[in-house]
């Protein structure tokens, strides 16, 4: 699945904050130095903050 397909699917699932965060991550070269697990955790936290809930 391409990055754009992933973004489109996230939007389709009404996960627009996650789609925005993923798009931002793919455009930030410094994110390549961080493990997938850490990046995923950052994105999950970002979505929770946007929705006004905590993990």
Protein backbone atom coordinates (compact mmCIF):
# COMPACT_ATOMS: atom_id res chain seq x y z
CA UNK A 1 0.00 0.00 0.00
CA UNK A 2 1.40 3.41 -0.91
CA UNK A 3 1.57 6.25 1.58
CA UNK A 4 -1.22 8.09 -0.25
CA UNK A 5 -3.40 4.99 -0.17
CA UNK A 6 -2.78 4.73 3.57
CA UNK A 7 -3.71 8.39 4.04
CA UNK A 8 -6.85 7.93 1.93
CA UNK A 9 -7.87 4.87 3.98
CA UNK A 10 -7.33 6.70 7.27
CA UNK A 11 -9.52 9.55 6.02
CA UNK A 12 -12.15 7.07 4.87
CA UNK A 13 -12.16 5.61 8.40
CA UNK A 14 -12.61 9.16 9.77
CA UNK A 15 -9.14 9.17 11.27
CA UNK A 16 -8.21 12.53 9.77
CA UNK A 17 -5.90 13.50 12.64
CA UNK A 18 -3.99 10.26 12.15
CA UNK A 19 -3.85 10.90 8.39
CA UNK A 20 -2.51 14.42 8.95
CA UNK A 21 0.06 13.15 11.42
CA UNK A 22 1.15 10.37 9.06
CA UNK A 23 1.49 12.83 6.18
CA UNK A 24 3.56 15.14 8.37
CA UNK A 25 5.75 12.23 9.48
CA UNK A 26 6.48 11.12 5.92
CA UNK A 27 7.61 14.66 5.03
CA UNK A 28 9.95 15.02 8.03
CA UNK A 29 13.40 13.53 7.32
CA UNK A 30 14.29 13.43 11.02
CA UNK A 31 11.51 10.87 11.61
CA UNK A 32 13.49 8.26 9.68
CA UNK A 33 15.90 8.09 12.62
CA UNK A 34 13.11 7.07 15.04
CA UNK A 35 11.82 3.50 15.34
CA UNK A 36 8.40 2.61 13.95
CA UNK A 37 7.11 1.87 17.45
CA UNK A 38 8.12 5.29 18.74
CA UNK A 39 6.70 7.08 15.68
CA UNK A 40 3.45 5.15 16.03
CA UNK A 41 3.30 6.09 19.71
CA UNK A 42 3.84 9.75 18.86
CA UNK A 43 1.06 9.63 16.28
CA UNK A 44 -1.32 7.85 18.62
CA UNK A 45 -0.67 10.45 21.30
CA UNK A 46 -1.19 13.22 18.75
CA UNK A 47 -4.57 11.81 17.77
CA UNK A 48 -5.64 11.46 21.40
CA UNK A 49 -4.67 15.07 22.07
CA UNK A 50 -6.63 16.25 19.04
CA UNK A 51 -9.68 14.32 20.23
CA UNK A 52 -9.26 15.58 23.79
CA UNK A 53 -8.59 12.22 25.44
CA UNK A 54 -5.56 10.64 27.06
CA UNK A 55 -4.18 7.17 26.59
